[in-house]
């Protein structure tokens, strides 16, 4: 993977997340993906689990900015800033630690999200 490929993947993720396109999960993640919403959280495993999580934000307006921090072989770290609009305005900064499979899909996703004035991810 290189920075361009990683950011293409991130843009595809954002489009699918924003559009509620749960069908994109198969294009973005391996069948046995391990997806952690925080470093110590139990992994969501597989496409069905990720689709269910994505639907939690369905219909919400948000903006995302992202930039790669590091890309080495099949691993990448991306820094994001997310701003949600109405009805519950909020923002957070996030690091994604990504491990890509040989086919360009992510096989391991680990999220480190932080909200202003909070020490960790909300429960």
N, C-alpha and C. Protein backbone atom coordinates (compact mmCIF):
# COMPACT_ATOMS: atom_id res chain seq x y z
N UNK A 1 0.85 -1.19 0.00
CA UNK A 1 0.00 0.00 0.00
C UNK A 1 0.89 1.24 0.00
N UNK A 2 0.38 2.30 -0.64
CA UNK A 2 1.04 3.59 -0.57
C UNK A 2 0.02 4.61 -0.08
N UNK A 3 0.46 5.83 0.17
CA UNK A 3 -0.43 6.85 0.73
C UNK A 3 -1.65 7.09 -0.16
N UNK A 4 -1.46 7.11 -1.46
CA UNK A 4 -2.58 7.34 -2.38
C UNK A 4 -3.62 6.23 -2.26
N UNK A 5 -3.17 4.99 -2.24
CA UNK A 5 -4.09 3.85 -2.12
C UNK A 5 -4.83 3.86 -0.79
N UNK A 6 -4.12 4.19 0.27
CA UNK A 6 -4.75 4.25 1.59
C UNK A 6 -5.83 5.32 1.60
N UNK A 7 -5.54 6.49 1.07
CA UNK A 7 -6.52 7.56 1.08
C UNK A 7 -7.69 7.28 0.15
N UNK A 8 -7.48 6.55 -0.94
CA UNK A 8 -8.61 6.12 -1.78
C UNK A 8 -9.52 5.20 -0.97
N UNK A 9 -8.93 4.31 -0.19
CA UNK A 9 -9.72 3.41 0.66
C UNK A 9 -10.51 4.22 1.69
N UNK A 10 -9.85 5.21 2.33
CA UNK A 10 -10.52 6.04 3.33
C UNK A 10 -11.69 6.80 2.70
N UNK A 11 -11.49 7.36 1.51
CA UNK A 11 -12.60 8.08 0.84
C UNK A 11 -13.75 7.13 0.51
N UNK A 12 -13.44 5.91 0.11
CA UNK A 12 -14.49 4.92 -0.14
C UNK A 12 -15.25 4.58 1.13
N UNK A 13 -14.52 4.45 2.23
CA UNK A 13 -15.15 4.19 3.53
C UNK A 13 -16.08 5.34 3.89
N UNK A 14 -15.57 6.58 3.77
CA UNK A 14 -16.39 7.74 4.13
C UNK A 14 -17.66 7.81 3.29
N UNK A 15 -17.53 7.61 1.97
CA UNK A 15 -18.72 7.64 1.10
C UNK A 15 -19.74 6.59 1.53
N UNK A 16 -19.27 5.38 1.77
CA UNK A 16 -20.17 4.30 2.15
C UNK A 16 -20.82 4.57 3.50
N UNK A 17 -20.05 5.05 4.46
CA UNK A 17 -20.55 5.36 5.80
C UNK A 17 -21.59 6.47 5.71
N UNK A 18 -21.27 7.52 4.96
CA UNK A 18 -22.19 8.65 4.81
C UNK A 18 -23.50 8.23 4.13
N UNK A 19 -23.39 7.38 3.11
CA UNK A 19 -24.56 6.98 2.34
C UNK A 19 -25.32 5.80 2.95
N UNK A 20 -24.80 5.25 4.05
CA UNK A 20 -25.44 4.06 4.62
C UNK A 20 -25.34 2.87 3.67
N UNK A 21 -24.29 2.85 2.86
CA UNK A 21 -24.09 1.81 1.85
C UNK A 21 -23.45 0.58 2.49
N UNK A 22 -24.26 -0.23 3.16
CA UNK A 22 -23.71 -1.40 3.85
C UNK A 22 -23.19 -2.44 2.86
N UNK A 23 -23.61 -2.35 1.60
CA UNK A 23 -23.07 -3.24 0.58
C UNK A 23 -21.59 -3.01 0.33
N UNK A 24 -21.10 -1.82 0.65
CA UNK A 24 -19.69 -1.50 0.45
C UNK A 24 -18.79 -2.24 1.43
N UNK A 25 -19.36 -2.75 2.51
CA UNK A 25 -18.56 -3.47 3.50
C UNK A 25 -17.75 -4.58 2.83
N UNK A 26 -18.36 -5.31 1.90
CA UNK A 26 -17.66 -6.40 1.21
C UNK A 26 -16.51 -5.89 0.35
N UNK A 27 -16.66 -4.69 -0.21
CA UNK A 27 -15.60 -4.11 -1.04
C UNK A 27 -14.44 -3.56 -0.20
N UNK A 28 -14.74 -3.13 1.02
CA UNK A 28 -13.75 -2.47 1.86
C UNK A 28 -13.03 -3.41 2.84
N UNK A 29 -13.71 -4.47 3.26
CA UNK A 29 -13.19 -5.34 4.32
C UNK A 29 -13.18 -6.80 3.89
N UNK A 30 -12.20 -7.54 4.40
CA UNK A 30 -12.18 -8.98 4.16
C UNK A 30 -13.35 -9.64 4.90
N UNK A 31 -13.70 -10.85 4.49
CA UNK A 31 -14.84 -11.54 5.09
C UNK A 31 -14.67 -11.75 6.59
N UNK A 32 -13.44 -11.95 7.03
CA UNK A 32 -13.18 -12.22 8.46
C UNK A 32 -12.54 -11.02 9.16
N UNK A 33 -12.85 -9.81 8.68
CA UNK A 33 -12.28 -8.60 9.26
C UNK A 33 -12.47 -8.57 10.77
N UNK A 34 -11.49 -8.03 11.45
CA UNK A 34 -11.59 -7.72 12.88
C UNK A 34 -11.62 -6.21 12.99
N UNK A 35 -12.73 -5.67 13.52
CA UNK A 35 -12.99 -4.23 13.56
C UNK A 35 -13.21 -3.84 15.01
N UNK A 36 -12.25 -3.07 15.57
CA UNK A 36 -12.36 -2.63 16.96
C UNK A 36 -12.67 -1.15 17.01
N UNK A 37 -13.73 -0.81 17.73
CA UNK A 37 -14.16 0.58 17.86
C UNK A 37 -13.29 1.36 18.85
N UNK A 38 -12.48 0.68 19.61
CA UNK A 38 -11.46 1.28 20.46
C UNK A 38 -10.40 0.21 20.70
N UNK A 39 -9.21 0.60 21.14
CA UNK A 39 -8.10 -0.37 21.21
C UNK A 39 -8.37 -1.58 22.09
N UNK A 40 -9.16 -1.40 23.14
CA UNK A 40 -9.41 -2.51 24.06
C UNK A 40 -10.79 -3.14 23.88
N UNK A 41 -11.53 -2.67 22.91
CA UNK A 41 -12.87 -3.21 22.67
C UNK A 41 -12.78 -4.59 22.02
N UNK A 42 -13.77 -5.38 22.28
CA UNK A 42 -13.88 -6.67 21.60
C UNK A 42 -14.12 -6.41 20.12
N UNK A 43 -13.47 -7.17 19.28
CA UNK A 43 -13.61 -6.99 17.84
C UNK A 43 -15.01 -7.34 17.35
N UNK A 44 -15.51 -6.51 16.44
CA UNK A 44 -16.62 -6.91 15.61
C UNK A 44 -15.97 -7.77 14.53
N UNK A 45 -16.49 -8.96 14.29
CA UNK A 45 -15.84 -9.87 13.35
C UNK A 45 -16.79 -10.16 12.20
N UNK A 46 -16.31 -9.91 10.98
CA UNK A 46 -17.06 -10.24 9.79
C UNK A 46 -17.94 -9.11 9.28
N UNK A 47 -18.41 -9.31 8.08
CA UNK A 47 -19.20 -8.30 7.38
C UNK A 47 -20.49 -7.94 8.10
N UNK A 48 -21.23 -8.91 8.58
CA UNK A 48 -22.52 -8.63 9.22
C UNK A 48 -22.36 -7.72 10.43
N UNK A 49 -21.34 -7.96 11.23
CA UNK A 49 -21.11 -7.14 12.42
C UNK A 49 -20.77 -5.70 12.05
N UNK A 50 -19.96 -5.50 11.02
CA UNK A 50 -19.59 -4.15 10.59
C UNK A 50 -20.82 -3.44 10.01
N UNK A 51 -21.61 -4.14 9.21
CA UNK A 51 -22.82 -3.52 8.65
C UNK A 51 -23.74 -3.03 9.77
N UNK A 52 -23.93 -3.82 10.80
CA UNK A 52 -24.79 -3.43 11.91
C UNK A 52 -24.30 -2.17 12.59
N UNK A 53 -22.99 -2.07 12.79
CA UNK A 53 -22.41 -0.89 13.42
C UNK A 53 -22.61 0.35 12.54
N UNK A 54 -22.38 0.21 11.25
CA UNK A 54 -22.53 1.36 10.35
C UNK A 54 -23.93 1.93 10.37
N UNK A 55 -24.93 1.09 10.53
CA UNK A 55 -26.31 1.56 10.50
C UNK A 55 -26.64 2.47 11.69
N UNK A 56 -25.80 2.44 12.74
CA UNK A 56 -26.04 3.31 13.90
C UNK A 56 -25.99 4.79 13.53
N UNK A 57 -25.23 5.16 12.51
CA UNK A 57 -25.09 6.56 12.09
C UNK A 57 -25.95 6.90 10.87
N UNK A 58 -26.81 6.01 10.47
CA UNK A 58 -27.60 6.24 9.26
C UNK A 58 -28.42 7.53 9.38
N UNK A 59 -28.33 8.36 8.36
CA UNK A 59 -29.11 9.59 8.30
C UNK A 59 -28.49 10.78 9.01
N UNK A 60 -27.35 10.61 9.69
CA UNK A 60 -26.72 11.72 10.38
C UNK A 60 -25.81 12.49 9.43
N UNK A 61 -25.81 13.82 9.59
CA UNK A 61 -24.95 14.67 8.77
C UNK A 61 -23.60 14.83 9.46
N UNK A 62 -22.52 14.64 8.71
CA UNK A 62 -21.19 14.81 9.29
C UNK A 62 -20.19 15.17 8.20
N UNK A 63 -19.08 15.73 8.63
CA UNK A 63 -17.96 15.99 7.73
C UNK A 63 -16.74 15.26 8.28
N UNK A 64 -15.85 14.90 7.38
CA UNK A 64 -14.64 14.18 7.75
C UNK A 64 -13.46 14.80 7.00
N UNK A 65 -12.38 15.03 7.72
CA UNK A 65 -11.11 15.33 7.07
C UNK A 65 -10.14 14.25 7.52
N UNK A 66 -9.25 13.85 6.63
CA UNK A 66 -8.34 12.74 6.94
C UNK A 66 -7.00 12.96 6.27
N UNK A 67 -5.96 12.45 6.93
CA UNK A 67 -4.62 12.49 6.35
C UNK A 67 -3.84 11.29 6.85
N UNK A 68 -3.01 10.71 6.00
CA UNK A 68 -2.21 9.58 6.44
C UNK A 68 -1.09 10.06 7.36
N UNK A 69 -0.85 9.32 8.42
CA UNK A 69 0.25 9.61 9.33
C UNK A 69 1.44 8.74 8.97
N UNK A 70 1.17 7.46 8.70
CA UNK A 70 2.24 6.52 8.36
C UNK A 70 1.68 5.42 7.48
N UNK A 71 2.49 5.00 6.52
CA UNK A 71 2.15 3.86 5.67
C UNK A 71 3.43 3.04 5.52
N UNK A 72 3.33 1.77 5.91
CA UNK A 72 4.49 0.88 5.85
C UNK A 72 4.01 -0.50 5.44
N UNK A 73 4.38 -0.94 4.26
CA UNK A 73 3.93 -2.25 3.78
C UNK A 73 2.42 -2.28 3.69
N UNK A 74 1.80 -3.22 4.39
CA UNK A 74 0.34 -3.35 4.36
C UNK A 74 -0.33 -2.67 5.55
N UNK A 75 0.42 -1.90 6.33
CA UNK A 75 -0.13 -1.21 7.50
C UNK A 75 -0.16 0.29 7.29
N UNK A 76 -1.17 0.93 7.87
CA UNK A 76 -1.29 2.38 7.76
C UNK A 76 -1.94 2.94 9.02
N UNK A 77 -1.61 4.19 9.32
CA UNK A 77 -2.27 4.95 10.37
C UNK A 77 -2.79 6.23 9.72
N UNK A 78 -4.07 6.53 9.96
CA UNK A 78 -4.71 7.70 9.36
C UNK A 78 -5.31 8.53 10.49
N UNK A 79 -5.07 9.85 10.45
CA UNK A 79 -5.67 10.77 11.42
C UNK A 79 -6.91 11.38 10.78
N UNK A 80 -8.01 11.39 11.55
CA UNK A 80 -9.27 11.95 11.06
C UNK A 80 -9.82 12.95 12.05
N UNK A 81 -10.60 13.88 11.53
CA UNK A 81 -11.40 14.76 12.36
C UNK A 81 -12.82 14.68 11.84
N UNK A 82 -13.76 14.40 12.73
CA UNK A 82 -15.16 14.19 12.35
C UNK A 82 -16.02 15.21 13.10
N UNK A 83 -16.91 15.87 12.35
CA UNK A 83 -17.85 16.82 12.94
C UNK A 83 -19.26 16.38 12.56
N UNK A 84 -20.08 16.13 13.57
CA UNK A 84 -21.48 15.81 13.36
C UNK A 84 -22.31 17.08 13.49
N UNK A 85 -23.35 17.20 12.66
CA UNK A 85 -24.27 18.33 12.74
C UNK A 85 -25.47 18.00 13.61
N UNK A 86 -26.57 18.62 13.30
CA UNK A 86 -27.81 18.43 14.06
C UNK A 86 -28.31 16.99 13.90
N UNK A 87 -28.98 16.42 14.84
CA UNK A 87 -29.58 17.04 16.02
C UNK A 87 -28.64 17.07 17.24
N UNK A 88 -27.47 16.43 17.17
CA UNK A 88 -26.57 16.36 18.31
C UNK A 88 -25.16 16.74 17.87
N UNK A 89 -24.89 18.05 17.71
CA UNK A 89 -23.57 18.46 17.23
C UNK A 89 -22.45 17.95 18.14
N UNK A 90 -21.43 17.40 17.53
CA UNK A 90 -20.28 16.94 18.28
C UNK A 90 -19.11 16.78 17.33
N UNK A 91 -17.93 16.66 17.89
CA UNK A 91 -16.75 16.44 17.09
C UNK A 91 -15.83 15.48 17.82
N UNK A 92 -14.97 14.85 17.06
CA UNK A 92 -13.91 14.06 17.67
C UNK A 92 -12.75 13.91 16.71
N UNK A 93 -11.61 13.60 17.27
CA UNK A 93 -10.42 13.29 16.49
C UNK A 93 -10.15 11.82 16.67
N UNK A 94 -9.58 11.25 15.63
CA UNK A 94 -9.54 9.80 15.55
C UNK A 94 -8.26 9.36 14.86
N UNK A 95 -7.72 8.25 15.29
CA UNK A 95 -6.67 7.55 14.56
C UNK A 95 -7.21 6.20 14.16
N UNK A 96 -6.99 5.83 12.91
CA UNK A 96 -7.32 4.48 12.45
C UNK A 96 -6.01 3.76 12.21
N UNK A 97 -5.88 2.60 12.80
CA UNK A 97 -4.75 1.71 12.54
C UNK A 97 -5.29 0.61 11.64
N UNK A 98 -4.79 0.55 10.41
CA UNK A 98 -5.34 -0.33 9.39
C UNK A 98 -4.30 -1.35 8.95
N UNK A 99 -4.74 -2.59 8.79
CA UNK A 99 -3.90 -3.63 8.20
C UNK A 99 -4.64 -4.13 6.98
N UNK A 100 -4.00 -3.98 5.82
CA UNK A 100 -4.61 -4.34 4.55
C UNK A 100 -4.24 -5.77 4.16
N UNK A 101 -5.18 -6.46 3.57
CA UNK A 101 -4.92 -7.77 2.97
C UNK A 101 -4.27 -7.54 1.60
N UNK A 102 -3.78 -8.60 1.00
CA UNK A 102 -3.11 -8.50 -0.30
C UNK A 102 -4.03 -7.93 -1.38
N UNK A 103 -5.37 -8.11 -1.23
CA UNK A 103 -6.30 -7.63 -2.25
C UNK A 103 -6.72 -6.16 -2.07
N UNK A 104 -6.14 -5.46 -1.07
CA UNK A 104 -6.44 -4.05 -0.86
C UNK A 104 -7.59 -3.78 0.09
N UNK A 105 -8.25 -4.84 0.58
CA UNK A 105 -9.30 -4.65 1.58
C UNK A 105 -8.66 -4.69 2.96
N UNK A 106 -9.32 -4.11 3.94
CA UNK A 106 -8.79 -4.10 5.30
C UNK A 106 -9.19 -5.38 6.01
N UNK A 107 -8.20 -6.00 6.66
CA UNK A 107 -8.45 -7.22 7.44
C UNK A 107 -8.43 -6.95 8.93
N UNK A 108 -7.86 -5.81 9.34
CA UNK A 108 -7.84 -5.45 10.75
C UNK A 108 -7.97 -3.94 10.87
N UNK A 109 -8.97 -3.50 11.63
CA UNK A 109 -9.29 -2.07 11.78
C UNK A 109 -9.34 -1.78 13.27
N UNK A 110 -8.53 -0.82 13.70
CA UNK A 110 -8.51 -0.43 15.12
C UNK A 110 -8.66 1.08 15.20
N UNK A 111 -9.62 1.53 16.01
CA UNK A 111 -9.94 2.94 16.09
C UNK A 111 -9.54 3.51 17.45
N UNK A 112 -8.94 4.71 17.43
CA UNK A 112 -8.57 5.44 18.64
C UNK A 112 -9.26 6.81 18.55
N UNK A 113 -10.47 6.92 19.07
CA UNK A 113 -11.25 8.15 18.95
C UNK A 113 -11.24 8.91 20.27
N UNK A 114 -11.14 10.24 20.16
CA UNK A 114 -11.14 11.10 21.35
C UNK A 114 -12.03 12.31 21.11
N UNK A 115 -12.86 12.61 22.13
CA UNK A 115 -13.76 13.74 22.10
C UNK A 115 -13.17 14.86 22.94
N UNK A 116 -13.47 16.13 22.62
CA UNK A 116 -12.97 17.23 23.44
C UNK A 116 -13.39 17.07 24.90
N UNK A 117 -12.46 17.30 25.78
CA UNK A 117 -12.70 17.27 27.23
C UNK A 117 -13.10 15.90 27.76
N UNK A 118 -12.85 14.84 27.01
CA UNK A 118 -13.12 13.49 27.48
C UNK A 118 -11.84 12.68 27.35
N UNK A 119 -11.65 11.76 28.27
CA UNK A 119 -10.42 10.98 28.25
C UNK A 119 -10.49 9.75 27.37
N UNK A 120 -11.69 9.34 26.99
CA UNK A 120 -11.81 8.12 26.18
C UNK A 120 -13.10 8.14 25.38
N UNK A 121 -13.28 7.08 24.62
CA UNK A 121 -14.47 6.92 23.80
C UNK A 121 -15.69 6.81 24.70
N UNK A 122 -16.79 7.52 24.37
CA UNK A 122 -18.00 7.39 25.18
C UNK A 122 -18.55 5.97 25.13
N UNK A 123 -19.18 5.55 26.21
CA UNK A 123 -19.72 4.20 26.34
C UNK A 123 -20.82 3.97 25.42
